[in-house]
C-alpha atoms as a PDB file:
ATOM      1  CA  MET A   1       6.653  -7.478  16.093  1.00  0.00           C
ATOM      2  CA  LYS A   2       4.729  -4.890  18.543  1.00  0.00           C
ATOM      3  CA  LYS A   3       6.893  -1.808  16.973  1.00  0.00           C
ATOM      4  CA  ILE A   4       5.666  -3.176  13.206  1.00  0.00           C
ATOM      5  CA  SER A   5       2.276  -3.250  14.524  1.00  0.00           C
ATOM      6  CA  LEU A   6       2.331   0.025  16.219  1.00  0.00           C
ATOM      7  CA  ALA A   7       4.101   1.744  12.936  1.00  0.00           C
ATOM      8  CA  LEU A   8       1.535   0.162  10.745  1.00  0.00           C
ATOM      9  CA  SER A   9      -1.561   1.625  13.196  1.00  0.00           C
ATOM     10  CA  LEU A  10       0.019   4.994  13.215  1.00  0.00           C
ATOM     11  CA  ILE A  11       0.362   5.213   9.309  1.00  0.00           C
ATOM     12  CA  VAL A  12      -3.284   3.886   8.990  1.00  0.00           C
ATOM     13  CA  PHE A  13      -4.741   6.432  11.728  1.00  0.00           C
ATOM     14  CA  THR A  14      -2.736   9.241   9.891  1.00  0.00           C
ATOM     15  CA  LEU A  15      -4.088   8.479   6.399  1.00  0.00           C
ATOM     16  CA  LEU A  16      -7.768   8.168   7.796  1.00  0.00           C
ATOM     17  CA  SER A  17      -7.597  11.318  10.046  1.00  0.00           C
ATOM     18  CA  THR A  18      -6.080  13.597   7.442  1.00  0.00           C
ATOM     19  CA  SER A  19      -8.408  16.422   6.132  1.00  0.00           C
ATOM     20  CA  VAL A  20      -9.679  15.286   2.990  1.00  0.00           C
ATOM     21  CA  SER A  21      -9.663  17.642   0.066  1.00  0.00           C
ATOM     22  CA  ALA A  22     -10.142  15.365  -3.272  1.00  0.00           C
ATOM     23  CA  GLN A  23      -7.742  16.808  -5.909  1.00  0.00           C
ATOM     24  CA  THR A  24      -8.895  16.339  -9.343  1.00  0.00           C
ATOM     25  CA  ASP A  25      -7.694  20.026 -10.707  1.00  0.00           C
ATOM     26  CA  GLN A  26      -6.107  20.826 -14.118  1.00  0.00           C
ATOM     27  CA  GLY A  27      -2.299  19.946 -13.977  1.00  0.00           C
ATOM     28  CA  ASP A  28      -2.688  17.174 -11.239  1.00  0.00           C
ATOM     29  CA  TRP A  29      -1.488  13.746 -11.852  1.00  0.00           C
ATOM     30  CA  MET A  30      -2.984  10.036 -11.039  1.00  0.00           C
ATOM     31  CA  VAL A  31      -0.976   6.649 -10.650  1.00  0.00           C
ATOM     32  CA  GLY A  32      -2.837   3.727  -9.642  1.00  0.00           C
ATOM     33  CA  GLY A  33      -4.579   0.512 -10.796  1.00  0.00           C
ATOM     34  CA  GLN A  34      -6.376  -2.529 -10.183  1.00  0.00           C
ATOM     35  CA  LEU A  35      -5.253  -5.977  -8.792  1.00  0.00           C
ATOM     36  CA  SER A  36      -7.583  -9.159  -8.896  1.00  0.00           C
ATOM     37  CA  PHE A  37      -6.693 -12.837  -8.126  1.00  0.00           C
ATOM     38  CA  ASN A  38      -9.496 -15.671  -8.486  1.00  0.00           C
ATOM     39  CA  THR A  39      -8.960 -19.507  -7.490  1.00  0.00           C
ATOM     40  CA  THR A  40     -11.267 -22.224  -7.731  1.00  0.00           C
ATOM     41  CA  SER A  41     -10.607 -26.058  -7.866  1.00  0.00           C
ATOM     42  CA  GLY A  42      -7.872 -26.320 -10.517  1.00  0.00           C
ATOM     43  CA  ASN A  43      -8.277 -22.970 -11.994  1.00  0.00           C
ATOM     44  CA  SER A  44      -6.745 -19.526 -11.146  1.00  0.00           C
ATOM     45  CA  SER A  45      -6.324 -15.992 -12.663  1.00  0.00           C
ATOM     46  CA  PHE A  46      -4.355 -13.241 -11.913  1.00  0.00           C
ATOM     47  CA  THR A  47      -4.447  -9.567 -13.351  1.00  0.00           C
ATOM     48  CA  LEU A  48      -2.514  -6.652 -12.564  1.00  0.00           C
ATOM     49  CA  ALA A  49      -3.566  -3.075 -14.148  1.00  0.00           C
ATOM     50  CA  PRO A  50      -1.699  -0.255 -13.230  1.00  0.00           C
ATOM     51  CA  ASN A  51      -2.636   3.097 -14.787  1.00  0.00           C
ATOM     52  CA  ALA A  52      -1.393   6.812 -14.669  1.00  0.00           C
ATOM     53  CA  GLY A  53      -3.036   9.810 -15.784  1.00  0.00           C
ATOM     54  CA  TYR A  54      -2.978  13.481 -16.241  1.00  0.00           C
ATOM     55  CA  PHE A  55      -5.643  16.005 -15.477  1.00  0.00           C
ATOM     56  CA  PHE A  56      -6.028  17.892 -18.694  1.00  0.00           C
ATOM     57  CA  GLY A  57      -8.840  19.999 -17.235  1.00  0.00           C
ATOM     58  CA  LYS A  58     -10.737  20.273 -13.883  1.00  0.00           C
ATOM     59  CA  ASN A  59     -11.986  16.796 -13.178  1.00  0.00           C
ATOM     60  CA  PHE A  60     -11.120  15.366 -16.467  1.00  0.00           C
ATOM     61  CA  ALA A  61      -8.397  13.242 -16.829  1.00  0.00           C
ATOM     62  CA  ALA A  62      -6.724  10.758 -19.619  1.00  0.00           C
ATOM     63  CA  GLY A  63      -3.824   8.503 -19.418  1.00  0.00           C
ATOM     64  CA  SER A  64      -2.597   5.034 -20.156  1.00  0.00           C
ATOM     65  CA  GLU A  65      -3.561   1.506 -18.776  1.00  0.00           C
ATOM     66  CA  VAL A  66      -1.291  -1.522 -18.968  1.00  0.00           C
ATOM     67  CA  THR A  67      -2.615  -4.984 -18.321  1.00  0.00           C
ATOM     68  CA  LEU A  68      -0.783  -7.856 -17.373  1.00  0.00           C
ATOM     69  CA  ALA A  69      -3.042 -11.325 -17.190  1.00  0.00           C
ATOM     70  CA  PHE A  70      -2.103 -14.868 -16.248  1.00  0.00           C
ATOM     71  CA  SER A  71      -4.717 -17.605 -15.691  1.00  0.00           C
ATOM     72  CA  LYS A  72      -4.872 -21.655 -15.882  1.00  0.00           C
ATOM     73  CA  PHE A  73      -7.995 -23.495 -16.493  1.00  0.00           C
ATOM     74  CA  GLY A  74      -7.263 -26.989 -15.990  1.00  0.00           C
ATOM     75  CA  ASP A  75      -4.530 -27.996 -18.560  1.00  0.00           C
ATOM     76  CA  ALA A  76      -5.161 -24.542 -20.340  1.00  0.00           C
ATOM     77  CA  LYS A  77      -2.657 -21.462 -19.636  1.00  0.00           C
ATOM     78  CA  SER A  78      -3.141 -18.208 -20.876  1.00  0.00           C
ATOM     79  CA  SER A  79      -0.910 -14.997 -20.180  1.00  0.00           C
ATOM     80  CA  ALA A  80      -1.527 -11.268 -21.657  1.00  0.00           C
ATOM     81  CA  ILE A  81       0.046  -8.087 -21.935  1.00  0.00           C
ATOM     82  CA  GLY A  82      -1.662  -5.182 -23.330  1.00  0.00           C
ATOM     83  CA  VAL A  83      -1.767  -1.357 -23.292  1.00  0.00           C
ATOM     84  CA  GLY A  84      -4.145   1.391 -24.140  1.00  0.00           C
ATOM     85  CA  PRO A  85      -5.504   4.981 -23.430  1.00  0.00           C
ATOM     86  CA  PHE A  86      -8.376   5.890 -20.859  1.00  0.00           C
ATOM     87  CA  ALA A  87     -10.455   8.679 -20.133  1.00  0.00           C
ATOM     88  CA  ARG A  88     -12.299   9.417 -16.872  1.00  0.00           C
ATOM     89  CA  TYR A  89     -14.484  12.383 -15.805  1.00  0.00           C
ATOM     90  CA  TYR A  90     -15.150  13.137 -12.187  1.00  0.00           C
ATOM     91  CA  PHE A  91     -18.529  14.831 -10.721  1.00  0.00           C
ATOM     92  CA  GLU A  92     -18.371  17.121  -8.026  1.00  0.00           C
ATOM     93  CA  LEU A  93     -20.703  16.715  -5.067  1.00  0.00           C
ATOM     94  CA  LYS A  94     -21.064  18.761  -1.770  1.00  0.00           C
ATOM     95  CA  GLU A  95     -19.350  15.870   0.097  1.00  0.00           C
ATOM     96  CA  PRO A  96     -15.743  16.518  -0.506  1.00  0.00           C
ATOM     97  CA  ASN A  97     -14.663  12.562   0.046  1.00  0.00           C
ATOM     98  CA  PHE A  98     -16.664  10.964  -2.602  1.00  0.00           C
ATOM     99  CA  LYS A  99     -16.554  11.693  -6.299  1.00  0.00           C
ATOM    100  CA  PRO A 100     -18.724   9.791  -8.917  1.00  0.00           C
ATOM    101  CA  LEU A 101     -16.992   9.300 -12.246  1.00  0.00           C
ATOM    102  CA  VAL A 102     -17.176   7.816 -15.702  1.00  0.00           C
ATOM    103  CA  HIS A 103     -14.608   6.063 -17.368  1.00  0.00           C
ATOM    104  CA  ALA A 104     -13.836   4.808 -20.837  1.00  0.00           C
ATOM    105  CA  SER A 105     -10.508   2.851 -22.237  1.00  0.00           C
ATOM    106  CA  PHE A 106      -9.697   1.048 -24.963  1.00  0.00           C
ATOM    107  CA  GLY A 107      -6.602  -1.631 -25.198  1.00  0.00           C
ATOM    108  CA  VAL A 108      -4.955  -3.770 -27.196  1.00  0.00           C
ATOM    109  CA  ALA A 109      -2.937  -6.829 -26.095  1.00  0.00           C
ATOM    110  CA  SER A 110      -0.872  -9.691 -26.879  1.00  0.00           C
ATOM    111  CA  VAL A 111      -2.524 -13.271 -25.828  1.00  0.00           C
ATOM    112  CA  THR A 112      -0.950 -16.193 -25.314  1.00  0.00           C
ATOM    113  CA  ASN A 113      -2.337 -19.832 -24.972  1.00  0.00           C
ATOM    114  CA  LYS A 114      -0.631 -23.205 -24.199  1.00  0.00           C
ATOM    115  CA  PHE A 115      -2.622 -26.368 -24.132  1.00  0.00           C
ATOM    116  CA  LEU A 116      -1.683 -29.953 -24.697  1.00  0.00           C
ATOM    117  CA  GLY A 117       1.955 -28.786 -25.645  1.00  0.00           C
ATOM    118  CA  GLU A 118       0.480 -26.286 -28.397  1.00  0.00           C
ATOM    119  CA  LYS A 119       1.107 -22.866 -28.062  1.00  0.00           C
ATOM    120  CA  THR A 120      -0.687 -19.931 -29.809  1.00  0.00           C
ATOM    121  CA  THR A 121      -0.099 -15.959 -29.712  1.00  0.00           C
ATOM    122  CA  ASN A 122      -3.155 -13.783 -30.905  1.00  0.00           C
ATOM    123  CA  THR A 123      -3.766  -9.925 -30.752  1.00  0.00           C
ATOM    124  CA  ALA A 124      -6.910  -9.062 -28.830  1.00  0.00           C
ATOM    125  CA  ARG A 125      -8.731  -5.759 -28.380  1.00  0.00           C
ATOM    126  CA  ASN A 126     -11.137  -4.479 -26.004  1.00  0.00           C
ATOM    127  CA  PHE A 127     -13.158  -1.654 -24.666  1.00  0.00           C
ATOM    128  CA  PHE A 128     -14.776  -0.957 -21.483  1.00  0.00           C
ATOM    129  CA  ILE A 129     -17.154   1.929 -20.551  1.00  0.00           C
ATOM    130  CA  GLY A 130     -18.381   2.338 -16.938  1.00  0.00           C
ATOM    131  CA  ALA A 131     -19.285   4.334 -14.092  1.00  0.00           C
ATOM    132  CA  GLY A 132     -18.434   4.364 -10.343  1.00  0.00           C
ATOM    133  CA  GLY A 133     -16.938   6.533  -7.536  1.00  0.00           C
ATOM    134  CA  ALA A 134     -13.770   7.293  -5.821  1.00  0.00           C
ATOM    135  CA  TYR A 135     -13.739   7.464  -2.078  1.00  0.00           C
ATOM    136  CA  PHE A 136     -10.838   9.777  -1.067  1.00  0.00           C
ATOM    137  CA  ILE A 137      -9.563   8.741   2.175  1.00  0.00           C
ATOM    138  CA  ASN A 138      -7.128  11.765   2.393  1.00  0.00           C
ATOM    139  CA  SER A 139      -6.126  14.259  -0.368  1.00  0.00           C
ATOM    140  CA  ASN A 140      -4.157  12.214  -2.305  1.00  0.00           C
ATOM    141  CA  VAL A 141      -5.523   8.655  -2.101  1.00  0.00           C
ATOM    142  CA  ALA A 142      -8.707   7.306  -3.367  1.00  0.00           C
ATOM    143  CA  LEU A 143     -10.115   3.756  -3.500  1.00  0.00           C
ATOM    144  CA  GLU A 144     -12.515   3.293  -6.314  1.00  0.00           C
ATOM    145  CA  GLY A 145     -15.409   0.998  -7.628  1.00  0.00           C
ATOM    146  CA  VAL A 146     -16.192   0.961 -11.377  1.00  0.00           C
ATOM    147  CA  MET A 147     -18.794  -0.849 -13.001  1.00  0.00           C
ATOM    148  CA  GLY A 148     -19.937  -1.126 -16.421  1.00  0.00           C
ATOM    149  CA  TYR A 149     -19.506  -3.005 -20.118  1.00  0.00           C
ATOM    150  CA  ASN A 150     -16.529  -4.674 -21.258  1.00  0.00           C
ATOM    151  CA  ASN A 151     -15.834  -6.223 -24.923  1.00  0.00           C
ATOM    152  CA  SER A 152     -13.190  -8.241 -25.737  1.00  0.00           C
ATOM    153  CA  LYS A 153     -12.163  -9.614 -29.344  1.00  0.00           C
ATOM    154  CA  VAL A 154      -9.584 -12.087 -30.007  1.00  0.00           C
ATOM    155  CA  GLU A 155      -8.099 -12.667 -33.319  1.00  0.00           C
ATOM    156  CA  SER A 156      -9.965 -15.446 -35.327  1.00  0.00           C
ATOM    157  CA  SER A 157     -12.614 -15.638 -32.450  1.00  0.00           C
ATOM    158  CA  PRO A 158     -16.137 -14.043 -31.937  1.00  0.00           C
ATOM    159  CA  SER A 159     -16.183 -10.800 -29.636  1.00  0.00           C
ATOM    160  CA  GLU A 160     -17.252 -11.627 -26.087  1.00  0.00           C
ATOM    161  CA  GLY A 161     -18.668  -8.813 -23.818  1.00  0.00           C
ATOM    162  CA  GLY A 162     -20.423  -8.725 -20.250  1.00  0.00           C
ATOM    163  CA  PHE A 163     -20.619  -7.115 -17.100  1.00  0.00           C
ATOM    164  CA  LEU A 164     -17.181  -5.906 -15.222  1.00  0.00           C
ATOM    165  CA  PHE A 165     -16.893  -4.629 -11.571  1.00  0.00           C
ATOM    166  CA  ARG A 166     -13.417  -3.244 -10.857  1.00  0.00           C
ATOM    167  CA  ILE A 167     -11.784  -2.219  -7.552  1.00  0.00           C
ATOM    168  CA  GLY A 168      -8.737  -0.246  -7.396  1.00  0.00           C
ATOM    169  CA  PHE A 169      -6.906   2.744  -6.077  1.00  0.00           C
ATOM    170  CA  GLN A 170      -5.552   5.963  -7.147  1.00  0.00           C
ATOM    171  CA  ILE A 171      -2.625   7.986  -5.721  1.00  0.00           C
ATOM    172  CA  HIS A 172      -3.358  11.747  -6.919  1.00  0.00           C
ATOM    173  CA  LEU A 173      -0.215  13.683  -7.183  1.00  0.00           C
ATOM    174  CA  LEU A 174      -0.694  17.295  -6.848  1.00  0.00           C
ATOM    175  CA  GLY A 175       0.416  19.529  -9.859  1.00  0.00           C
ATOM    176  CA  HIS A 176       0.733  22.874  -7.932  1.00  0.00           C
ATOM    177  CA  GLU A 177       2.334  21.416  -4.828  1.00  0.00           C
ATOM    178  CA  VAL A 178       4.922  19.548  -7.277  1.00  0.00           C
ATOM    179  CA  LYS A 179       5.786  23.031  -9.075  1.00  0.00           C
ATOM    180  CA  LYS A 180       6.490  24.683  -5.857  1.00  0.00           C
ATOM    181  CA  LYS A 181       9.456  22.231  -4.964  1.00  0.00           C
END
Protein backbone atom coordinates (compact mmCIF):
# COMPACT_ATOMS: atom_id res chain seq x y z
CA MET A 1 0.00 0.00 0.00
CA LYS A 2 2.88 2.36 0.80
CA LYS A 3 4.37 1.72 -2.66
CA ILE A 4 1.08 2.69 -4.35
CA SER A 5 0.76 5.85 -2.24
CA LEU A 6 4.38 6.78 -3.00
CA ALA A 7 3.87 6.18 -6.74
CA LEU A 8 0.68 8.29 -6.80
CA SER A 9 2.39 11.08 -4.83
CA LEU A 10 5.30 11.04 -7.28
CA ILE A 11 2.95 11.25 -10.29
CA VAL A 12 0.99 14.17 -8.79
CA PHE A 13 4.21 16.01 -7.88
CA THR A 14 5.56 15.50 -11.41
CA LEU A 15 2.35 16.80 -13.00
CA LEU A 16 2.22 19.86 -10.77
CA SER A 17 5.91 20.74 -11.01
CA THR A 18 6.26 20.43 -14.79
CA SER A 19 6.85 23.68 -16.63
CA VAL A 20 3.51 24.85 -17.95
CA SER A 21 3.04 26.10 -21.48
CA ALA A 22 -0.59 25.79 -22.56
CA GLN A 23 -0.95 24.11 -25.95
CA THR A 24 -3.74 25.46 -28.12
CA ASP A 25 -1.80 25.82 -31.38
CA GLN A 26 -3.03 24.93 -34.84
CA GLY A 27 -2.65 21.20 -35.45
CA ASP A 28 -3.00 20.21 -31.78
CA TRP A 29 -5.74 17.91 -30.49
CA MET A 30 -7.76 17.85 -27.28
CA VAL A 31 -9.53 14.91 -25.63
CA GLY A 32 -11.46 15.05 -22.39
CA GLY A 33 -14.91 15.69 -21.03
CA GLN A 34 -17.09 16.05 -17.98
CA LEU A 35 -18.51 13.64 -15.43
CA SER A 36 -21.33 14.35 -13.00
CA PHE A 37 -23.13 12.35 -10.35
CA ASN A 38 -25.95 13.57 -8.16
CA THR A 39 -27.92 11.72 -5.53
CA THR A 40 -30.65 12.71 -3.10
CA SER A 41 -33.24 10.72 -1.19
CA GLY A 42 -34.67 8.26 -3.75
CA ASN A 43 -33.29 10.19 -6.73
CA SER A 44 -30.02 9.95 -8.63
CA SER A 45 -28.45 11.02 -11.89
CA PHE A 46 -25.20 10.24 -13.69
CA THR A 47 -23.81 11.92 -16.81
CA LEU A 48 -20.66 11.18 -18.77
CA ALA A 49 -19.80 13.58 -21.60
CA PRO A 50 -16.51 12.79 -23.38
CA ASN A 51 -15.32 15.00 -26.24
CA ALA A 52 -12.53 15.28 -28.79
CA GLY A 53 -11.48 18.27 -30.85
CA TYR A 54 -8.91 19.56 -33.32
CA PHE A 55 -7.31 23.01 -33.34
CA PHE A 56 -8.03 24.41 -36.81
CA GLY A 57 -6.29 27.66 -35.89
CA LYS A 58 -4.38 29.07 -32.96
CA ASN A 59 -6.75 28.92 -29.94
CA PHE A 60 -9.75 27.75 -32.07
CA ALA A 61 -10.92 24.14 -31.70
CA ALA A 62 -13.93 22.27 -33.04
CA GLY A 63 -14.96 18.69 -32.54
CA SER A 64 -17.62 16.33 -31.27
CA GLU A 65 -19.20 15.62 -27.88
CA VAL A 66 -20.98 12.43 -26.83
CA THR A 67 -23.43 12.41 -23.92
CA LEU A 68 -24.48 9.39 -21.87
CA ALA A 69 -26.99 10.19 -19.13
CA PHE A 70 -28.96 8.07 -16.67
CA SER A 71 -31.39 9.21 -14.00
CA LYS A 72 -33.90 7.82 -11.54
CA PHE A 73 -36.51 9.99 -9.84
CA GLY A 74 -38.79 7.92 -7.66
CA ASP A 75 -40.33 5.27 -9.93
CA ALA A 76 -39.34 7.06 -13.15
CA LYS A 77 -36.14 6.09 -14.97
CA SER A 78 -34.54 7.85 -17.90
CA SER A 79 -31.54 7.23 -20.13
CA ALA A 80 -30.13 9.23 -23.01
CA ILE A 81 -27.39 8.90 -25.59
CA GLY A 82 -26.50 11.83 -27.79
CA VAL A 83 -23.87 13.34 -30.04
CA GLY A 84 -23.16 16.72 -31.55
CA PRO A 85 -20.54 19.25 -32.62
CA PHE A 86 -18.85 21.90 -30.50
CA ALA A 87 -16.61 24.90 -31.11
CA ARG A 88 -14.50 26.84 -28.64
CA TYR A 89 -12.04 29.69 -28.60
CA TYR A 90 -9.30 30.25 -26.00
CA PHE A 91 -8.04 33.74 -25.15
CA GLU A 92 -4.36 34.44 -24.48
CA LEU A 93 -3.30 36.00 -21.18
CA LYS A 94 0.14 36.86 -19.88
CA GLU A 95 -0.37 34.07 -17.33
CA PRO A 96 0.36 30.88 -19.36
CA ASN A 97 -1.39 28.54 -16.89
CA PHE A 98 -4.88 30.03 -17.36
CA LYS A 99 -6.84 30.64 -20.57
CA PRO A 100 -10.38 32.06 -20.62
CA LEU A 101 -12.60 30.43 -23.24
CA VAL A 102 -15.97 30.63 -24.96
CA HIS A 103 -17.77 27.42 -25.89
CA ALA A 104 -20.83 26.58 -28.01
CA SER A 105 -22.34 23.16 -28.71
CA PHE A 106 -25.38 21.54 -30.27
CA GLY A 107 -26.56 17.99 -29.69
CA VAL A 108 -29.18 15.44 -30.70
CA ALA A 109 -30.06 12.58 -28.36
CA SER A 110 -32.34 9.59 -28.07
CA VAL A 111 -34.11 9.70 -24.69
CA THR A 112 -35.84 6.65 -23.21
CA ASN A 113 -38.20 7.03 -20.24
CA LYS A 114 -39.70 4.22 -18.15
CA PHE A 115 -42.55 4.87 -15.74
CA LEU A 116 -45.13 2.45 -14.29
CA GLY A 117 -44.20 -0.26 -16.81
CA GLU A 118 -44.58 2.07 -19.80
CA LYS A 119 -41.58 2.86 -21.99
CA THR A 120 -41.31 5.81 -24.39
CA THR A 121 -38.46 6.94 -26.63
CA ASN A 122 -38.15 10.46 -28.00
CA THR A 123 -35.61 12.60 -29.81
CA ALA A 124 -34.16 15.55 -27.94
CA ARG A 125 -32.16 18.54 -29.17
CA ASN A 126 -30.12 20.89 -27.08
CA PHE A 127 -27.73 23.77 -27.41
CA PHE A 128 -25.31 25.32 -24.97
CA ILE A 129 -23.41 28.59 -25.12
CA GLY A 130 -21.09 29.64 -22.35
CA ALA A 131 -17.79 30.96 -21.13
CA GLY A 132 -15.24 29.84 -18.60
CA GLY A 133 -11.61 29.04 -18.20
CA ALA A 134 -9.01 26.31 -18.49
CA TYR A 135 -6.29 26.00 -15.86
CA PHE A 136 -3.31 24.08 -17.26
CA ILE A 137 -1.66 22.02 -14.52
CA ASN A 138 1.03 21.13 -17.07
CA SER A 139 1.52 21.58 -20.81
CA ASN A 140 -0.90 18.77 -21.65
CA VAL A 141 -3.60 18.65 -18.95
CA ALA A 142 -6.17 21.35 -18.19
CA LEU A 143 -8.94 21.48 -15.59
CA GLU A 144 -11.82 23.61 -16.79
CA GLY A 145 -15.04 25.17 -15.70
CA VAL A 146 -17.65 26.50 -18.12
CA MET A 147 -20.96 28.17 -17.29
CA GLY A 148 -23.69 29.44 -19.55
CA TYR A 149 -27.16 28.93 -20.97
CA ASN A 150 -28.42 25.44 -21.84
CA ASN A 151 -31.66 24.79 -23.73
CA SER A 152 -33.22 21.36 -24.33
CA LYS A 153 -36.25 20.38 -26.41
CA VAL A 154 -37.72 16.88 -26.27
CA GLU A 155 -40.30 15.85 -28.86
CA SER A 156 -43.88 16.74 -27.90
CA SER A 157 -42.70 18.75 -24.86
CA PRO A 158 -41.98 22.45 -24.43
CA SER A 159 -38.33 23.50 -24.50
CA GLU A 160 -36.59 24.05 -21.18
CA GLY A 161 -33.64 26.33 -20.63
CA GLY A 162 -31.53 27.56 -17.81
CA PHE A 163 -28.13 28.03 -16.24
CA LEU A 164 -25.60 25.21 -16.50
CA PHE A 165 -22.19 24.90 -14.84
CA ARG A 166 -19.81 22.18 -16.05
CA ILE A 167 -16.47 21.08 -14.65
CA GLY A 168 -14.18 18.83 -16.62
CA PHE A 169 -10.70 18.22 -17.91
CA GLN A 170 -8.91 18.16 -21.27
CA ILE A 171 -5.75 16.41 -22.38
CA HIS A 172 -4.00 18.44 -25.07
CA LEU A 173 -2.11 16.34 -27.59
CA LEU A 174 0.58 18.40 -29.28
CA GLY A 175 0.34 18.03 -33.06
CA HIS A 176 3.92 19.09 -33.75
CA GLU A 177 5.29 16.53 -31.28
CA VAL A 178 3.14 13.73 -32.69
CA LYS A 179 4.45 14.42 -36.22
CA LYS A 180 8.10 14.10 -35.05
CA LYS A 181 7.61 10.49 -33.89
